[in-house]
Amino acid sequence: MSFNEQQEKFRSATGFVAALDQSGGSTPKALALYGIGEDTYEGEQEMYEQVHAMRTRIMTNAAFTGDRIIAAILFEDTMQRFVEGKSTSDYLWQVKHVIPILKIDKGLEAETDGVQVMKPMPALGETLALAGQHGIFGTKMRSVIKTANAAGIERVVDQQFSVARLVIAAGMVPIIEPEVDVNSAQKSECEEILRTALTAHLERLDEALPVVFKLTLPNEDNYYRTLIDHDKVLRVVALSGGYTRADACEKLSRNQGMIASFSRALTEGLNAGMSDAEFTGALEQSIATIDTASRT
């Protein structure tokens, strides 16, 4: 794999990032929305087999190509599995020309100071080494912000950048995801504090590689334009955050330079019981809609 080629694609290609990284806590819900209830599998292993089958059906579909999908974010279990005889990351890049990204966080701590920081990652070094062996280009880690508590938001951003530096040291590009809860009554205030904190930390970043931000679609259009244009930022991508695909795409289309990194909004409407033709049609519609919104 060519890291430089992947970096240039991530920086400049049209399209969006597919988030296929539901992990242990969110997988049952993702499967249920896909039409596979918890009564159809037993235990964690069967659950992951079911979700890998769902992701494989998406990744191998003719609608899913590097022409519109810039990158795909994977859960660690997915990274270590195979698609059509190749490791998932090799399949994505070699067959589909889609950049492989790895979700590395282990979930969230309980809320304090209006935020949820990431749980400790004691095996992060081993995870990053494994990611390197699989040809992973970058990583993603998620925190959540619920209220406009400056101290809490600073803890989120400080933790994110601390992990980002370790990712960069391992030769990968970090996707920093401090999600602002779309249901927060203080969403605009949270975004103001967050933008200030992200900018301050960027100014102190002197590592060799840039970072990517994955941010909640802001209340004010183009609110993150200064981050999009920053020379230490490879790209700013948007999470759907619980919005429907239609709402998320409508909001995204009003934010120039921001592209999608949708999970639930991408798979909305897909069902395990669909015929291949029905599945392809539904996925094509989803990808086309998100791609169009990402081209503004």
C-alpha atoms as a PDB file:
ATOM      1  CA  MET A   1       0.000   0.000   0.000  1.00  0.00           C
ATOM      2  CA  SER A   2       1.154   3.525  -0.709  1.00  0.00           C
ATOM      3  CA  PHE A   3       0.707   5.754   2.334  1.00  0.00           C
ATOM      4  CA  ASN A   4       1.371   8.887   0.276  1.00  0.00           C
ATOM      5  CA  GLU A   5      -1.197   7.854  -2.316  1.00  0.00           C
ATOM      6  CA  GLN A   6      -3.753   7.212   0.402  1.00  0.00           C
ATOM      7  CA  GLN A   7      -3.011  10.498   2.121  1.00  0.00           C
ATOM      8  CA  GLU A   8      -3.495  12.441  -1.106  1.00  0.00           C
ATOM      9  CA  LYS A   9      -6.754  10.607  -1.802  1.00  0.00           C
ATOM     10  CA  PHE A  10      -8.010  11.370   1.691  1.00  0.00           C
ATOM     11  CA  ARG A  11      -7.025  15.016   1.309  1.00  0.00           C
ATOM     12  CA  SER A  12      -8.454  15.765  -2.108  1.00  0.00           C
ATOM     13  CA  ALA A  13     -10.823  13.082  -3.436  1.00  0.00           C
ATOM     14  CA  THR A  14     -14.528  13.710  -3.776  1.00  0.00           C
ATOM     15  CA  GLY A  15     -16.818  11.366  -1.873  1.00  0.00           C
ATOM     16  CA  PHE A  16     -17.159  10.461   1.780  1.00  0.00           C
ATOM     17  CA  VAL A  17     -16.050   8.115   4.553  1.00  0.00           C
ATOM     18  CA  ALA A  18     -18.134   5.021   5.310  1.00  0.00           C
ATOM     19  CA  ALA A  19     -18.259   4.266   9.043  1.00  0.00           C
ATOM     20  CA  LEU A  20     -18.586   0.474   9.387  1.00  0.00           C
ATOM     21  CA  ASP A  21     -17.234   0.385  12.925  1.00  0.00           C
ATOM     22  CA  GLN A  22     -20.078  -0.567  15.262  1.00  0.00           C
ATOM     23  CA  SER A  23     -18.457  -2.387  18.181  1.00  0.00           C
ATOM     24  CA  GLY A  24     -19.683  -4.557  21.040  1.00  0.00           C
ATOM     25  CA  GLY A  25     -22.121  -2.105  22.573  1.00  0.00           C
ATOM     26  CA  SER A  26     -23.691  -0.793  19.370  1.00  0.00           C
ATOM     27  CA  THR A  27     -23.649  -3.977  17.271  1.00  0.00           C
ATOM     28  CA  PRO A  28     -26.985  -5.456  18.501  1.00  0.00           C
ATOM     29  CA  LYS A  29     -28.793  -2.238  17.596  1.00  0.00           C
ATOM     30  CA  ALA A  30     -27.112  -2.083  14.196  1.00  0.00           C
ATOM     31  CA  LEU A  31     -28.091  -5.686  13.498  1.00  0.00           C
ATOM     32  CA  ALA A  32     -31.662  -5.081  14.666  1.00  0.00           C
ATOM     33  CA  LEU A  33     -32.003  -2.141  12.270  1.00  0.00           C
ATOM     34  CA  TYR A  34     -30.715  -4.492   9.553  1.00  0.00           C
ATOM     35  CA  GLY A  35     -33.450  -6.983  10.379  1.00  0.00           C
ATOM     36  CA  ILE A  36     -31.435  -9.433  12.483  1.00  0.00           C
ATOM     37  CA  GLY A  37     -32.836  -9.701  16.005  1.00  0.00           C
ATOM     38  CA  GLU A  38     -30.894 -10.799  19.084  1.00  0.00           C
ATOM     39  CA  ASP A  39     -32.888 -14.039  19.117  1.00  0.00           C
ATOM     40  CA  THR A  40     -31.209 -15.146  15.869  1.00  0.00           C
ATOM     41  CA  TYR A  41     -27.677 -15.415  17.258  1.00  0.00           C
ATOM     42  CA  GLU A  42     -26.126 -16.657  20.476  1.00  0.00           C
ATOM     43  CA  GLY A  43     -23.110 -15.078  22.113  1.00  0.00           C
ATOM     44  CA  GLU A  44     -20.592 -12.518  21.009  1.00  0.00           C
ATOM     45  CA  GLN A  45     -18.883 -14.692  18.405  1.00  0.00           C
ATOM     46  CA  GLU A  46     -22.096 -15.353  16.471  1.00  0.00           C
ATOM     47  CA  MET A  47     -23.020 -11.681  16.760  1.00  0.00           C
ATOM     48  CA  TYR A  48     -19.724 -10.616  15.179  1.00  0.00           C
ATOM     49  CA  GLU A  49     -20.135 -13.210  12.432  1.00  0.00           C
ATOM     50  CA  GLN A  50     -23.538 -11.733  11.628  1.00  0.00           C
ATOM     51  CA  VAL A  51     -22.277  -8.162  11.548  1.00  0.00           C
ATOM     52  CA  HIS A  52     -19.276  -9.152   9.429  1.00  0.00           C
ATOM     53  CA  ALA A  53     -21.670 -10.768   6.961  1.00  0.00           C
ATOM     54  CA  MET A  54     -23.617  -7.488   6.844  1.00  0.00           C
ATOM     55  CA  ARG A  55     -20.458  -5.438   6.301  1.00  0.00           C
ATOM     56  CA  THR A  56     -19.177  -7.895   3.695  1.00  0.00           C
ATOM     57  CA  ARG A  57     -22.432  -7.567   1.774  1.00  0.00           C
ATOM     58  CA  ILE A  58     -21.975  -3.792   1.786  1.00  0.00           C
ATOM     59  CA  MET A  59     -18.257  -3.761   0.908  1.00  0.00           C
ATOM     60  CA  THR A  60     -18.543  -6.293  -1.927  1.00  0.00           C
ATOM     61  CA  ASN A  61     -21.569  -4.614  -3.501  1.00  0.00           C
ATOM     62  CA  ALA A  62     -21.071  -2.979  -6.889  1.00  0.00           C
ATOM     63  CA  ALA A  63     -22.317   0.339  -5.493  1.00  0.00           C
ATOM     64  CA  PHE A  64     -19.496   0.445  -2.931  1.00  0.00           C
ATOM     65  CA  THR A  65     -16.357   1.649  -4.724  1.00  0.00           C
ATOM     66  CA  GLY A  66     -13.507   4.090  -4.283  1.00  0.00           C
ATOM     67  CA  ASP A  67     -15.100   6.432  -6.799  1.00  0.00           C
ATOM     68  CA  ARG A  68     -17.440   7.683  -4.064  1.00  0.00           C
ATOM     69  CA  ILE A  69     -16.156   6.025  -0.884  1.00  0.00           C
ATOM     70  CA  ILE A  70     -12.859   7.605   0.127  1.00  0.00           C
ATOM     71  CA  ALA A  71     -12.285   5.466   3.212  1.00  0.00           C
ATOM     72  CA  ALA A  72     -14.008   2.980   5.482  1.00  0.00           C
ATOM     73  CA  ILE A  73     -13.718   2.865   9.278  1.00  0.00           C
ATOM     74  CA  LEU A  74     -13.477  -0.654  10.684  1.00  0.00           C
ATOM     75  CA  PHE A  75     -13.923  -2.248  14.085  1.00  0.00           C
ATOM     76  CA  GLU A  76     -10.895  -4.295  15.183  1.00  0.00           C
ATOM     77  CA  ASP A  77     -12.776  -7.591  14.792  1.00  0.00           C
ATOM     78  CA  THR A  78     -13.603  -6.656  11.180  1.00  0.00           C
ATOM     79  CA  MET A  79      -9.972  -5.747  10.461  1.00  0.00           C
ATOM     80  CA  GLN A  80      -8.882  -9.238  11.504  1.00  0.00           C
ATOM     81  CA  ARG A  81     -11.432 -11.009   9.296  1.00  0.00           C
ATOM     82  CA  PHE A  82     -11.417 -11.710   5.562  1.00  0.00           C
ATOM     83  CA  VAL A  83     -13.454 -10.606   2.561  1.00  0.00           C
ATOM     84  CA  GLU A  84     -13.341 -12.755  -0.571  1.00  0.00           C
ATOM     85  CA  GLY A  85     -10.101 -14.402   0.550  1.00  0.00           C
ATOM     86  CA  LYS A  86      -8.264 -11.191   1.417  1.00  0.00           C
ATOM     87  CA  SER A  87      -7.852  -9.444   4.754  1.00  0.00           C
ATOM     88  CA  THR A  88     -10.536  -6.774   5.061  1.00  0.00           C
ATOM     89  CA  SER A  89      -8.055  -3.906   4.753  1.00  0.00           C
ATOM     90  CA  ASP A  90      -6.358  -5.467   1.723  1.00  0.00           C
ATOM     91  CA  TYR A  91      -9.719  -6.079   0.087  1.00  0.00           C
ATOM     92  CA  LEU A  92     -10.789  -2.479   0.628  1.00  0.00           C
ATOM     93  CA  TRP A  93      -7.625  -0.942  -0.831  1.00  0.00           C
ATOM     94  CA  GLN A  94      -6.564  -3.479  -3.441  1.00  0.00           C
ATOM     95  CA  VAL A  95     -10.000  -4.302  -4.833  1.00  0.00           C
ATOM     96  CA  LYS A  96     -12.148  -1.249  -4.074  1.00  0.00           C
ATOM     97  CA  HIS A  97      -9.469   1.479  -3.720  1.00  0.00           C
ATOM     98  CA  VAL A  98     -11.019   2.460  -0.383  1.00  0.00           C
ATOM     99  CA  ILE A  99      -8.656   3.549   2.421  1.00  0.00           C
ATOM    100  CA  PRO A 100      -8.879   1.372   5.581  1.00  0.00           C
ATOM    101  CA  ILE A 101      -9.261   3.150   8.947  1.00  0.00           C
ATOM    102  CA  LEU A 102      -9.417   1.490  12.394  1.00  0.00           C
ATOM    103  CA  LYS A 103     -11.586   2.467  15.358  1.00  0.00           C
ATOM    104  CA  ILE A 104      -9.260   2.184  18.364  1.00  0.00           C
ATOM    105  CA  ASP A 105     -11.220   3.484  21.354  1.00  0.00           C
ATOM    106  CA  LYS A 106     -12.669   1.008  23.843  1.00  0.00           C
ATOM    107  CA  GLY A 107     -15.829   2.915  24.639  1.00  0.00           C
ATOM    108  CA  LEU A 108     -16.713   5.752  26.969  1.00  0.00           C
ATOM    109  CA  GLU A 109     -16.344   6.465  30.654  1.00  0.00           C
ATOM    110  CA  ALA A 110     -19.398   7.552  32.650  1.00  0.00           C
ATOM    111  CA  GLU A 111     -20.370  11.198  32.244  1.00  0.00           C
ATOM    112  CA  THR A 112     -18.559  13.738  34.411  1.00  0.00           C
ATOM    113  CA  ASP A 113     -18.402  17.511  33.896  1.00  0.00           C
ATOM    114  CA  GLY A 114     -20.905  17.141  31.071  1.00  0.00           C
ATOM    115  CA  VAL A 115     -18.658  14.915  28.936  1.00  0.00           C
ATOM    116  CA  GLN A 116     -17.693  11.301  28.412  1.00  0.00           C
ATOM    117  CA  VAL A 117     -14.000  10.759  27.846  1.00  0.00           C
ATOM    118  CA  MET A 118     -12.593   7.556  26.398  1.00  0.00           C
ATOM    119  CA  LYS A 119     -11.942   4.539  28.571  1.00  0.00           C
ATOM    120  CA  PRO A 120      -8.283   3.667  29.142  1.00  0.00           C
ATOM    121  CA  MET A 121      -6.535   1.871  26.282  1.00  0.00           C
ATOM    122  CA  PRO A 122      -3.784  -0.118  28.018  1.00  0.00           C
ATOM    123  CA  ALA A 123      -3.080  -2.209  24.914  1.00  0.00           C
ATOM    124  CA  LEU A 124      -2.968   0.755  22.521  1.00  0.00           C
ATOM    125  CA  GLY A 125       0.622   0.082  21.513  1.00  0.00           C
ATOM    126  CA  GLU A 126      -0.232  -3.488  20.515  1.00  0.00           C
ATOM    127  CA  THR A 127      -3.354  -2.316  18.688  1.00  0.00           C
ATOM    128  CA  LEU A 128      -1.394   0.244  16.680  1.00  0.00           C
ATOM    129  CA  ALA A 129       1.277  -2.326  15.848  1.00  0.00           C
ATOM    130  CA  LEU A 130      -1.418  -4.735  14.636  1.00  0.00           C
ATOM    131  CA  ALA A 131      -3.014  -1.963  12.592  1.00  0.00           C
ATOM    132  CA  GLY A 132       0.333  -1.292  10.953  1.00  0.00           C
ATOM    133  CA  GLN A 133       0.653  -4.957  10.035  1.00  0.00           C
ATOM    134  CA  HIS A 134      -2.769  -4.775   8.369  1.00  0.00           C
ATOM    135  CA  GLY A 135      -1.880  -1.709   6.334  1.00  0.00           C
ATOM    136  CA  ILE A 136      -4.241   0.616   8.189  1.00  0.00           C
ATOM    137  CA  PHE A 137      -3.889   4.259   7.131  1.00  0.00           C
ATOM    138  CA  GLY A 138      -5.438   5.949  10.162  1.00  0.00           C
ATOM    139  CA  THR A 139      -7.403   5.521  13.352  1.00  0.00           C
ATOM    140  CA  LYS A 140     -10.593   6.895  14.864  1.00  0.00           C
ATOM    141  CA  MET A 141     -11.448   7.527  18.511  1.00  0.00           C
ATOM    142  CA  ARG A 142     -14.685   8.955  19.913  1.00  0.00           C
ATOM    143  CA  SER A 143     -15.574  11.061  22.944  1.00  0.00           C
ATOM    144  CA  VAL A 144     -18.931  12.727  23.693  1.00  0.00           C
ATOM    145  CA  ILE A 145     -19.759  16.265  24.822  1.00  0.00           C
ATOM    146  CA  LYS A 146     -23.191  16.920  26.345  1.00  0.00           C
ATOM    147  CA  THR A 147     -22.999  20.272  28.116  1.00  0.00           C
ATOM    148  CA  ALA A 148     -21.026  23.491  27.712  1.00  0.00           C
ATOM    149  CA  ASN A 149     -18.612  22.753  30.526  1.00  0.00           C
ATOM    150  CA  ALA A 150     -15.270  24.271  29.511  1.00  0.00           C
ATOM    151  CA  ALA A 151     -13.224  22.092  31.861  1.00  0.00           C
ATOM    152  CA  GLY A 152     -14.925  18.940  30.643  1.00  0.00           C
ATOM    153  CA  ILE A 153     -14.493  19.839  26.975  1.00  0.00           C
ATOM    154  CA  GLU A 154     -10.822  20.642  27.563  1.00  0.00           C
ATOM    155  CA  ARG A 155     -10.369  17.171  29.106  1.00  0.00           C
ATOM    156  CA  VAL A 156     -11.945  15.612  26.023  1.00  0.00           C
ATOM    157  CA  VAL A 157      -9.742  17.539  23.613  1.00  0.00           C
ATOM    158  CA  ASP A 158      -6.573  17.039  25.653  1.00  0.00           C
ATOM    159  CA  GLN A 159      -7.157  13.270  25.785  1.00  0.00           C
ATOM    160  CA  GLN A 160      -7.912  13.126  22.066  1.00  0.00           C
ATOM    161  CA  PHE A 161      -4.715  14.934  21.129  1.00  0.00           C
ATOM    162  CA  SER A 162      -2.655  12.833  23.543  1.00  0.00           C
ATOM    163  CA  VAL A 163      -3.838   9.673  21.789  1.00  0.00           C
ATOM    164  CA  ALA A 164      -3.452  11.347  18.393  1.00  0.00           C
ATOM    165  CA  ARG A 165       0.244  11.937  19.063  1.00  0.00           C
ATOM    166  CA  LEU A 166       0.738   8.229  19.771  1.00  0.00           C
ATOM    167  CA  VAL A 167      -1.076   7.355  16.553  1.00  0.00           C
ATOM    168  CA  ILE A 168       1.107   9.745  14.551  1.00  0.00           C
ATOM    169  CA  ALA A 169       4.230   8.288  16.195  1.00  0.00           C
ATOM    170  CA  ALA A 170       3.075   4.883  14.922  1.00  0.00           C
ATOM    171  CA  GLY A 171       2.926   6.278  11.384  1.00  0.00           C
ATOM    172  CA  MET A 172      -0.833   6.689  11.019  1.00  0.00           C
ATOM    173  CA  VAL A 173      -3.242   9.613  10.709  1.00  0.00           C
ATOM    174  CA  PRO A 174      -5.627  10.061  13.668  1.00  0.00           C
ATOM    175  CA  ILE A 175      -9.299  10.924  13.259  1.00  0.00           C
ATOM    176  CA  ILE A 176     -10.183  12.968  16.341  1.00  0.00           C
ATOM    177  CA  GLU A 177     -13.887  12.651  17.163  1.00  0.00           C
ATOM    178  CA  PRO A 178     -15.187  14.828  20.013  1.00  0.00           C
ATOM    179  CA  GLU A 179     -18.902  14.340  19.264  1.00  0.00           C
ATOM    180  CA  VAL A 180     -21.287  17.037  20.458  1.00  0.00           C
ATOM    181  CA  ASP A 181     -24.610  15.416  21.373  1.00  0.00           C
ATOM    182  CA  VAL A 182     -27.175  16.628  18.837  1.00  0.00           C
ATOM    183  CA  ASN A 183     -29.797  16.653  21.616  1.00  0.00           C
ATOM    184  CA  SER A 184     -27.799  18.925  23.903  1.00  0.00           C
ATOM    185  CA  ALA A 185     -29.717  22.007  24.981  1.00  0.00           C
ATOM    186  CA  GLN A 186     -26.358  23.823  24.878  1.00  0.00           C
ATOM    187  CA  LYS A 187     -25.202  22.530  21.504  1.00  0.00           C
ATOM    188  CA  SER A 188     -24.152  25.923  20.097  1.00  0.00           C
ATOM    189  CA  GLU A 189     -22.282  26.803  23.286  1.00  0.00           C
ATOM    190  CA  CYS A 190     -20.552  23.405  23.241  1.00  0.00           C
ATOM    191  CA  GLU A 191     -19.466  23.999  19.652  1.00  0.00           C
ATOM    192  CA  GLU A 192     -18.030  27.396  20.503  1.00  0.00           C
ATOM    193  CA  ILE A 193     -15.930  26.024  23.366  1.00  0.00           C
ATOM    194  CA  LEU A 194     -14.913  22.997  21.303  1.00  0.00           C
ATOM    195  CA  ARG A 195     -13.751  24.998  18.286  1.00  0.00           C
ATOM    196  CA  THR A 196     -11.618  27.213  20.517  1.00  0.00           C
ATOM    197  CA  ALA A 197     -10.052  24.191  22.251  1.00  0.00           C
ATOM    198  CA  LEU A 198      -9.374  22.333  18.995  1.00  0.00           C
ATOM    199  CA  THR A 199      -7.725  25.403  17.480  1.00  0.00           C
ATOM    200  CA  ALA A 200      -5.516  25.921  20.526  1.00  0.00           C
ATOM    201  CA  HIS A 201      -4.364  22.297  20.513  1.00  0.00           C
ATOM    202  CA  LEU A 202      -3.689  22.419  16.770  1.00  0.00           C
ATOM    203  CA  GLU A 203      -1.356  25.351  17.301  1.00  0.00           C
ATOM    204  CA  ARG A 204       0.678  23.234  19.723  1.00  0.00           C
ATOM    205  CA  LEU A 205       0.800  20.235  17.382  1.00  0.00           C
ATOM    206  CA  ASP A 206       4.216  19.862  15.763  1.00  0.00           C
ATOM    207  CA  GLU A 207       4.055  16.200  14.731  1.00  0.00           C
ATOM    208  CA  ALA A 208       4.985  15.123  11.198  1.00  0.00           C
ATOM    209  CA  LEU A 209       1.506  14.068  10.093  1.00  0.00           C
ATOM    210  CA  PRO A 210      -1.762  16.013  10.014  1.00  0.00           C
ATOM    211  CA  VAL A 211      -4.974  15.109  11.833  1.00  0.00           C
ATOM    212  CA  VAL A 212      -8.573  14.615  10.730  1.00  0.00           C
ATOM    213  CA  PHE A 213     -11.538  15.895  12.720  1.00  0.00           C
ATOM    214  CA  LYS A 214     -14.845  14.041  12.838  1.00  0.00           C
ATOM    215  CA  LEU A 215     -17.387  16.518  14.174  1.00  0.00           C
ATOM    216  CA  THR A 216     -21.110  16.810  14.723  1.00  0.00           C
ATOM    217  CA  LEU A 217     -22.842  18.890  12.064  1.00  0.00           C
ATOM    218  CA  PRO A 218     -22.837  22.401  13.587  1.00  0.00           C
ATOM    219  CA  ASN A 219     -25.830  24.610  14.326  1.00  0.00           C
ATOM    220  CA  GLU A 220     -24.214  27.465  12.399  1.00  0.00           C
ATOM    221  CA  ASP A 221     -23.391  26.666   8.786  1.00  0.00           C
ATOM    222  CA  ASN A 222     -19.656  26.570   7.970  1.00  0.00           C
ATOM    223  CA  TYR A 223     -18.787  26.975  11.640  1.00  0.00           C
ATOM    224  CA  TYR A 224     -15.721  24.741  11.276  1.00  0.00           C
ATOM    225  CA  ARG A 225     -14.373  26.427   8.142  1.00  0.00           C
ATOM    226  CA  THR A 226     -11.227  27.630   9.933  1.00  0.00           C
ATOM    227  CA  LEU A 227     -10.433  24.037  10.896  1.00  0.00           C
ATOM    228  CA  ILE A 228     -11.111  22.798   7.359  1.00  0.00           C
ATOM    229  CA  ASP A 229      -8.610  25.361   6.031  1.00  0.00           C
ATOM    230  CA  HIS A 230      -5.950  24.752   8.717  1.00  0.00           C
ATOM    231  CA  ASP A 231      -2.641  23.456   7.358  1.00  0.00           C
ATOM    232  CA  LYS A 232      -2.391  20.788  10.085  1.00  0.00           C
ATOM    233  CA  VAL A 233      -5.828  19.346   9.240  1.00  0.00           C
ATOM    234  CA  LEU A 234      -6.066  16.772   6.472  1.00  0.00           C
ATOM    235  CA  ARG A 235      -9.857  16.919   6.354  1.00  0.00           C
ATOM    236  CA  VAL A 236     -12.959  17.559   8.456  1.00  0.00           C
ATOM    237  CA  VAL A 237     -15.658  14.899   8.259  1.00  0.00           C
ATOM    238  CA  ALA A 238     -19.147  14.956   9.728  1.00  0.00           C
ATOM    239  CA  LEU A 239     -20.927  12.365  11.835  1.00  0.00           C
ATOM    240  CA  SER A 240     -24.684  11.977  11.430  1.00  0.00           C
ATOM    241  CA  GLY A 241     -25.234  11.907  15.190  1.00  0.00           C
ATOM    242  CA  GLY A 242     -28.726  10.421  15.187  1.00  0.00           C
ATOM    243  CA  TYR A 243     -30.131  12.601  12.402  1.00  0.00           C
ATOM    244  CA  THR A 244     -31.972  10.763   9.631  1.00  0.00           C
ATOM    245  CA  ARG A 245     -30.025  10.436   6.405  1.00  0.00           C
ATOM    246  CA  ALA A 246     -32.208  13.095   4.782  1.00  0.00           C
ATOM    247  CA  ASP A 247     -31.681  15.566   7.623  1.00  0.00           C
ATOM    248  CA  ALA A 248     -27.965  14.832   7.926  1.00  0.00           C
ATOM    249  CA  CYS A 249     -27.412  15.280   4.192  1.00  0.00           C
ATOM    250  CA  GLU A 250     -29.433  18.495   4.117  1.00  0.00           C
ATOM    251  CA  LYS A 251     -27.339  19.935   6.946  1.00  0.00           C
ATOM    252  CA  LEU A 252     -24.094  18.669   5.418  1.00  0.00           C
ATOM    253  CA  SER A 253     -24.868  20.268   2.046  1.00  0.00           C
ATOM    254  CA  ARG A 254     -24.837  23.677   3.760  1.00  0.00           C
ATOM    255  CA  ASN A 255     -21.295  23.164   5.143  1.00  0.00           C
ATOM    256  CA  GLN A 256     -18.788  23.717   2.350  1.00  0.00           C
ATOM    257  CA  GLY A 257     -15.649  21.603   2.468  1.00  0.00           C
ATOM    258  CA  MET A 258     -17.048  19.164   5.042  1.00  0.00           C
ATOM    259  CA  ILE A 259     -17.704  15.570   3.940  1.00  0.00           C
ATOM    260  CA  ALA A 260     -19.747  12.797   5.497  1.00  0.00           C
ATOM    261  CA  SER A 261     -18.545  10.004   7.740  1.00  0.00           C
ATOM    262  CA  PHE A 262     -21.887   8.361   8.347  1.00  0.00           C
ATOM    263  CA  SER A 263     -22.653   5.028  10.000  1.00  0.00           C
ATOM    264  CA  ARG A 264     -26.327   4.516  10.768  1.00  0.00           C
ATOM    265  CA  ALA A 265     -27.345   7.048   8.109  1.00  0.00           C
ATOM    266  CA  LEU A 266     -25.359   5.063   5.514  1.00  0.00           C
ATOM    267  CA  THR A 267     -27.051   1.745   6.281  1.00  0.00           C
ATOM    268  CA  GLU A 268     -30.512   3.248   6.836  1.00  0.00           C
ATOM    269  CA  GLY A 269     -33.055   1.219   4.863  1.00  0.00           C
ATOM    270  CA  LEU A 270     -30.828  -1.812   4.259  1.00  0.00           C
ATOM    271  CA  ASN A 271     -32.302  -5.151   5.349  1.00  0.00           C
ATOM    272  CA  ALA A 272     -30.942  -8.673   5.526  1.00  0.00           C
ATOM    273  CA  GLY A 273     -34.077  -9.993   3.815  1.00  0.00           C
ATOM    274  CA  MET A 274     -33.612  -7.917   0.671  1.00  0.00           C
ATOM    275  CA  SER A 275     -32.847  -9.593  -2.632  1.00  0.00           C
ATOM    276  CA  ASP A 276     -29.478  -8.718  -4.160  1.00  0.00           C
ATOM    277  CA  ALA A 277     -31.179  -6.320  -6.568  1.00  0.00           C
ATOM    278  CA  GLU A 278     -33.152  -4.641  -3.793  1.00  0.00           C
ATOM    279  CA  PHE A 279     -30.055  -4.348  -1.624  1.00  0.00           C
ATOM    280  CA  THR A 280     -28.005  -2.847  -4.446  1.00  0.00           C
ATOM    281  CA  GLY A 281     -30.746  -0.342  -5.223  1.00  0.00           C
ATOM    282  CA  ALA A 282     -31.073   0.761  -1.600  1.00  0.00           C
ATOM    283  CA  LEU A 283     -27.301   1.026  -1.093  1.00  0.00           C
ATOM    284  CA  GLU A 284     -26.866   2.913  -4.361  1.00  0.00           C
ATOM    285  CA  GLN A 285     -29.504   5.435  -3.307  1.00  0.00           C
ATOM    286  CA  SER A 286     -27.827   5.895   0.086  1.00  0.00           C
ATOM    287  CA  ILE A 287     -24.333   6.307  -1.348  1.00  0.00           C
ATOM    288  CA  ALA A 288     -25.487   8.657  -4.110  1.00  0.00           C
ATOM    289  CA  THR A 289     -27.362  10.868  -1.649  1.00  0.00           C
ATOM    290  CA  ILE A 290     -24.480  11.108   0.815  1.00  0.00           C
ATOM    291  CA  ASP A 291     -21.944  11.595  -1.969  1.00  0.00           C
ATOM    292  CA  THR A 292     -23.924  14.497  -3.421  1.00  0.00           C
ATOM    293  CA  ALA A 293     -24.204  16.191  -0.022  1.00  0.00           C
ATOM    294  CA  SER A 294     -20.446  15.760   0.484  1.00  0.00           C
ATOM    295  CA  ARG A 295     -19.556  17.590  -2.747  1.00  0.00           C
ATOM    296  CA  THR A 296     -20.573  21.087  -1.623  1.00  0.00           C
END
